[in-house]
């Protein structure tokens, strides 16, 4: 019975992992938005799609002290990337033009300096981290209230119509590389990686409990787990962004804010 339970658990974890990798897999299978010749970036997208994600937590502690508590394999792939220039953006302000900055950086590196394998990473924490939660959890925990009225829904996540325009016309003013496509989903399709922060998730959970937005009457550890399980597919969960920035910069990533 114990072996059967273990096998069922393994299959459940695999199913959750595959579902959680849907966006990363789409990036790997959507060469139209990857720059021509971006072999290294394409290979990274494929490896990230295969890397396990865990989104079945029942509880999570305040401090993560074991790699199985975050997306360690996927994070290792990002830190170990060497196929092209690498930049990490320290993104904290949800309402700032952070996605526009990332898009501009990618465009300049790819078409101006001809670095097709340029890797752009968002180190996402603070209120910007709200963009990495799906709409289901936005609704459940009324996350729009945390934005001070600036967002009613998570509009930064889904790609707009521009993402479906002809990618061969990279100069198109309303095309997939224009300001009309400043979305997390579109940038992921271009190879950008979005890192999620456990520490921010823990702090948001505490704030929700303090303000009485806790419909299931969960403990702090349970509510943080629920939020973690709703980090958007394709994002890479880290034990904490500020500490992870040290690892990225030590590996040669250029810091941007």
Protein backbone atom coordinates (compact mmCIF):
# COMPACT_ATOMS: atom_id res chain seq x y z
CA UNK A 1 0.00 0.00 0.00
CA UNK A 2 2.87 2.34 0.80
CA UNK A 3 4.47 1.68 -2.62
CA UNK A 4 1.14 2.35 -4.35
CA UNK A 5 0.76 5.61 -2.43
CA UNK A 6 4.29 6.62 -3.38
CA UNK A 7 3.62 5.90 -7.05
CA UNK A 8 0.41 7.90 -6.94
CA UNK A 9 2.25 10.78 -5.32
CA UNK A 10 4.95 10.66 -7.95
CA UNK A 11 2.40 10.70 -10.75
CA UNK A 12 0.54 13.59 -9.13
CA UNK A 13 3.75 15.57 -8.78
CA UNK A 14 4.62 14.83 -12.41
CA UNK A 15 1.19 15.98 -13.57
CA UNK A 16 1.43 19.20 -11.59
CA UNK A 17 4.95 19.77 -12.86
CA UNK A 18 3.94 19.32 -16.48
CA UNK A 19 0.99 21.65 -16.09
CA UNK A 20 3.19 24.21 -14.43
CA UNK A 21 5.63 24.11 -17.33
CA UNK A 22 3.06 24.86 -20.02
CA UNK A 23 4.22 28.42 -20.62
CA UNK A 24 7.90 27.48 -20.65
CA UNK A 25 7.15 24.67 -23.08
CA UNK A 26 5.27 27.11 -25.29
CA UNK A 27 8.34 29.33 -25.35
CA UNK A 28 10.46 26.39 -26.43
CA UNK A 29 7.99 25.50 -29.17
CA UNK A 30 7.39 29.03 -30.46
CA UNK A 31 10.48 29.83 -32.54
CA UNK A 32 8.66 32.72 -34.21
CA UNK A 33 9.27 34.96 -31.18
CA UNK A 34 12.80 33.79 -30.51
CA UNK A 35 15.44 35.67 -32.48
CA UNK A 36 16.77 33.91 -35.58
CA UNK A 37 19.89 31.99 -34.59
CA UNK A 38 19.05 31.92 -30.88
CA UNK A 39 20.15 28.31 -30.45
CA UNK A 40 21.41 28.73 -26.90
CA UNK A 41 18.24 30.45 -25.76
CA UNK A 42 16.11 27.83 -27.46
CA UNK A 43 18.07 25.08 -25.72
CA UNK A 44 17.62 26.84 -22.38
CA UNK A 45 13.85 27.07 -22.93
CA UNK A 46 13.75 23.34 -23.62
CA UNK A 47 15.74 22.53 -20.48
CA UNK A 48 13.52 24.78 -18.38
CA UNK A 49 10.48 23.01 -19.80
CA UNK A 50 11.91 19.70 -18.60
CA UNK A 51 13.00 20.96 -15.19
CA UNK A 52 10.59 19.90 -12.42
CA UNK A 53 8.38 22.44 -10.67
CA UNK A 54 6.54 21.79 -7.45
CA UNK A 55 3.12 23.41 -7.02
CA UNK A 56 1.48 21.01 -4.57
CA UNK A 57 2.57 22.49 -1.24
CA UNK A 58 0.35 22.05 1.79
CA UNK A 59 2.50 24.31 3.96
CA UNK A 60 5.74 26.23 3.49
CA UNK A 61 8.01 27.59 6.23
CA UNK A 62 9.20 31.17 6.59
CA UNK A 63 12.77 30.25 5.58
CA UNK A 64 13.40 27.67 2.88
CA UNK A 65 16.33 25.44 3.78
CA UNK A 66 16.17 22.60 1.25
CA UNK A 67 16.26 22.70 -2.58
CA UNK A 68 13.04 20.70 -2.92
CA UNK A 69 11.22 23.72 -1.48
CA UNK A 70 11.89 25.85 -4.57
CA UNK A 71 12.54 25.30 -8.31
CA UNK A 72 16.19 24.48 -7.75
CA UNK A 73 16.82 22.60 -11.01
CA UNK A 74 15.26 25.34 -13.15
CA UNK A 75 17.06 28.05 -11.20
CA UNK A 76 20.33 26.18 -11.70
CA UNK A 77 19.75 26.21 -15.47
CA UNK A 78 19.27 29.98 -15.41
CA UNK A 79 22.33 30.64 -13.25
CA UNK A 80 24.43 28.31 -15.41
CA UNK A 81 23.46 29.87 -18.76
CA UNK A 82 26.52 30.86 -20.81
CA UNK A 83 25.31 31.02 -24.43
CA UNK A 84 25.05 34.81 -24.58
CA UNK A 85 25.04 38.04 -22.59
CA UNK A 86 22.90 37.91 -19.44
CA UNK A 87 21.00 40.64 -17.64
CA UNK A 88 18.90 40.51 -14.48
CA UNK A 89 16.31 43.18 -13.71
CA UNK A 90 15.55 43.99 -10.07
CA UNK A 91 11.79 44.51 -10.43
CA UNK A 92 9.75 45.61 -7.40
CA UNK A 93 7.18 48.18 -8.59
CA UNK A 94 4.09 46.63 -10.16
CA UNK A 95 2.94 49.91 -11.71
CA UNK A 96 6.31 50.93 -13.15
CA UNK A 97 7.26 50.32 -16.81
CA UNK A 98 9.33 47.28 -15.86
CA UNK A 99 8.13 45.03 -18.68
CA UNK A 100 8.76 47.83 -21.17
CA UNK A 101 12.34 48.15 -19.91
CA UNK A 102 12.95 44.43 -20.33
CA UNK A 103 11.46 44.49 -23.83
CA UNK A 104 13.61 47.46 -24.86
CA UNK A 105 16.73 45.77 -23.52
CA UNK A 106 15.97 42.57 -25.43
CA UNK A 107 15.31 44.49 -28.64
CA UNK A 108 18.56 46.45 -28.38
CA UNK A 109 20.68 43.42 -27.55
CA UNK A 110 19.13 41.26 -30.28
CA UNK A 111 18.77 43.64 -33.22
CA UNK A 112 21.24 46.45 -32.48
CA UNK A 113 24.13 44.44 -31.04
CA UNK A 114 23.16 41.14 -32.72
CA UNK A 115 23.22 39.02 -29.57
CA UNK A 116 20.49 36.55 -30.51
CA UNK A 117 21.14 34.48 -27.37
CA UNK A 118 20.77 37.39 -24.96
CA UNK A 119 19.03 36.21 -21.77
CA UNK A 120 16.82 38.69 -19.93
CA UNK A 121 15.75 37.73 -16.39
CA UNK A 122 13.26 39.40 -14.08
CA UNK A 123 14.16 39.15 -10.39
CA UNK A 124 10.58 39.79 -9.31
CA UNK A 125 9.69 40.80 -5.76
CA UNK A 126 7.84 43.50 -3.86
CA UNK A 127 4.44 44.39 -5.32
CA UNK A 128 5.70 43.48 -8.80
CA UNK A 129 5.45 39.91 -7.60
CA UNK A 130 1.65 40.14 -7.74
CA UNK A 131 1.97 39.84 -11.52
CA UNK A 132 3.34 36.31 -11.08
CA UNK A 133 0.15 35.04 -9.42
CA UNK A 134 -2.68 33.75 -11.59
CA UNK A 135 -6.06 35.46 -11.78
CA UNK A 136 -7.71 32.75 -9.69
CA UNK A 137 -5.68 33.67 -6.65
CA UNK A 138 -6.04 37.40 -7.42
CA UNK A 139 -9.80 36.90 -7.11
CA UNK A 140 -9.66 34.63 -4.05
CA UNK A 141 -7.46 36.94 -1.99
CA UNK A 142 -8.58 40.27 -3.49
CA UNK A 143 -5.00 41.06 -4.49
CA UNK A 144 -6.18 44.09 -6.44
CA UNK A 145 -6.62 45.83 -3.08
CA UNK A 146 -2.85 45.63 -2.53
CA UNK A 147 -2.24 47.71 -5.67
CA UNK A 148 -3.89 50.83 -4.30
CA UNK A 149 -6.47 50.90 -7.05
CA UNK A 150 -3.92 50.78 -9.89
CA UNK A 151 -4.98 47.31 -11.05
CA UNK A 152 -8.38 45.63 -11.00
CA UNK A 153 -7.03 42.38 -12.47
CA UNK A 154 -3.64 40.97 -13.42
CA UNK A 155 -3.41 42.72 -16.78
CA UNK A 156 0.37 42.30 -16.98
CA UNK A 157 0.20 38.55 -17.43
CA UNK A 158 -1.69 37.74 -20.67
CA UNK A 159 -0.34 38.55 -24.12
CA UNK A 160 -2.30 40.95 -26.29
CA UNK A 161 -3.17 40.80 -30.02
CA UNK A 162 0.28 42.14 -30.96
CA UNK A 163 1.80 38.81 -29.91
CA UNK A 164 0.08 37.18 -32.89
CA UNK A 165 1.39 39.65 -35.48
CA UNK A 166 4.01 38.60 -38.03
CA UNK A 167 7.32 38.30 -36.07
CA UNK A 168 9.35 38.64 -39.27
CA UNK A 169 8.53 42.36 -39.30
CA UNK A 170 10.46 43.33 -36.19
CA UNK A 171 10.01 47.02 -37.01
CA UNK A 172 6.19 46.83 -36.91
CA UNK A 173 4.92 49.60 -34.62
CA UNK A 174 2.11 47.37 -33.36
CA UNK A 175 3.98 44.08 -33.67
CA UNK A 176 5.20 41.52 -31.13
CA UNK A 177 8.37 43.50 -30.34
CA UNK A 178 6.60 46.84 -29.85
CA UNK A 179 5.21 48.47 -26.68
CA UNK A 180 1.88 46.89 -27.62
CA UNK A 181 3.24 43.55 -26.43
CA UNK A 182 4.50 44.41 -22.95
CA UNK A 183 3.25 41.30 -21.16
CA UNK A 184 4.78 38.50 -19.15
CA UNK A 185 3.42 35.84 -21.49
CA UNK A 186 4.84 37.54 -24.59
CA UNK A 187 8.27 38.11 -23.05
CA UNK A 188 8.36 34.47 -21.94
CA UNK A 189 7.72 33.44 -25.54
CA UNK A 190 10.76 35.52 -26.47
CA UNK A 191 12.92 33.63 -23.95
CA UNK A 192 12.75 35.95 -20.94
CA UNK A 193 12.72 34.23 -17.54
CA UNK A 194 10.68 35.45 -14.57
CA UNK A 195 11.93 34.54 -11.11
CA UNK A 196 9.44 34.39 -8.23
CA UNK A 197 10.26 35.18 -4.60
CA UNK A 198 9.30 33.02 -1.62
CA UNK A 199 10.09 35.81 0.84
CA UNK A 200 7.65 38.15 -0.90
CA UNK A 201 4.99 35.43 -0.91
CA UNK A 202 5.45 34.96 2.83
CA UNK A 203 5.12 38.70 3.45
CA UNK A 204 2.01 39.01 1.26
CA UNK A 205 0.46 36.09 3.18
CA UNK A 206 1.11 37.84 6.46
CA UNK A 207 -0.50 41.02 5.13
CA UNK A 208 -3.58 39.16 3.93
CA UNK A 209 -4.05 37.49 7.32
CA UNK A 210 -3.60 40.80 9.12
CA UNK A 211 -6.29 42.45 7.01
CA UNK A 212 -8.72 39.54 7.36
CA UNK A 213 -8.57 38.41 3.73
CA UNK A 214 -8.31 34.71 4.48
CA UNK A 215 -11.51 32.98 3.29
CA UNK A 216 -10.36 29.47 4.20
CA UNK A 217 -9.01 30.51 7.63
CA UNK A 218 -5.59 29.16 6.76
CA UNK A 219 -2.49 29.38 8.91
CA UNK A 220 0.36 31.58 7.71
CA UNK A 221 2.23 28.50 6.45
CA UNK A 222 -0.86 27.22 4.61
CA UNK A 223 -1.77 30.53 3.00
CA UNK A 224 1.80 31.04 1.76
CA UNK A 225 1.63 27.54 0.27
CA UNK A 226 -1.66 28.34 -1.48
CA UNK A 227 -0.14 31.45 -3.06
CA UNK A 228 2.97 29.51 -4.05
CA UNK A 229 0.86 26.90 -5.81
CA UNK A 230 -0.61 29.69 -7.95
CA UNK A 231 2.67 31.13 -9.22
CA UNK A 232 2.11 31.33 -12.98
CA UNK A 233 3.31 28.49 -15.22
CA UNK A 234 6.81 29.00 -16.53
CA UNK A 235 8.00 31.21 -13.67
CA UNK A 236 10.92 29.94 -11.56
CA UNK A 237 10.40 29.92 -7.79
CA UNK A 238 13.43 31.03 -5.75
CA UNK A 239 13.96 30.93 -1.97
CA UNK A 240 14.33 34.72 -2.01
CA UNK A 241 15.11 37.22 -4.75
CA UNK A 242 17.57 39.46 -2.89
CA UNK A 243 19.78 36.50 -2.00
CA UNK A 244 19.37 34.97 -5.46
CA UNK A 245 20.61 38.20 -7.04
CA UNK A 246 23.96 37.52 -5.41
CA UNK A 247 24.12 34.13 -7.15
CA UNK A 248 23.17 35.64 -10.51
CA UNK A 249 25.67 38.48 -10.31
CA UNK A 250 28.35 36.06 -9.18
CA UNK A 251 27.66 34.03 -12.32
CA UNK A 252 28.15 37.07 -14.55
CA UNK A 253 24.66 38.56 -14.91
CA UNK A 254 24.56 42.33 -15.44
CA UNK A 255 22.35 44.08 -12.90
CA UNK A 256 19.60 46.47 -14.03
CA UNK A 257 16.91 48.31 -12.09
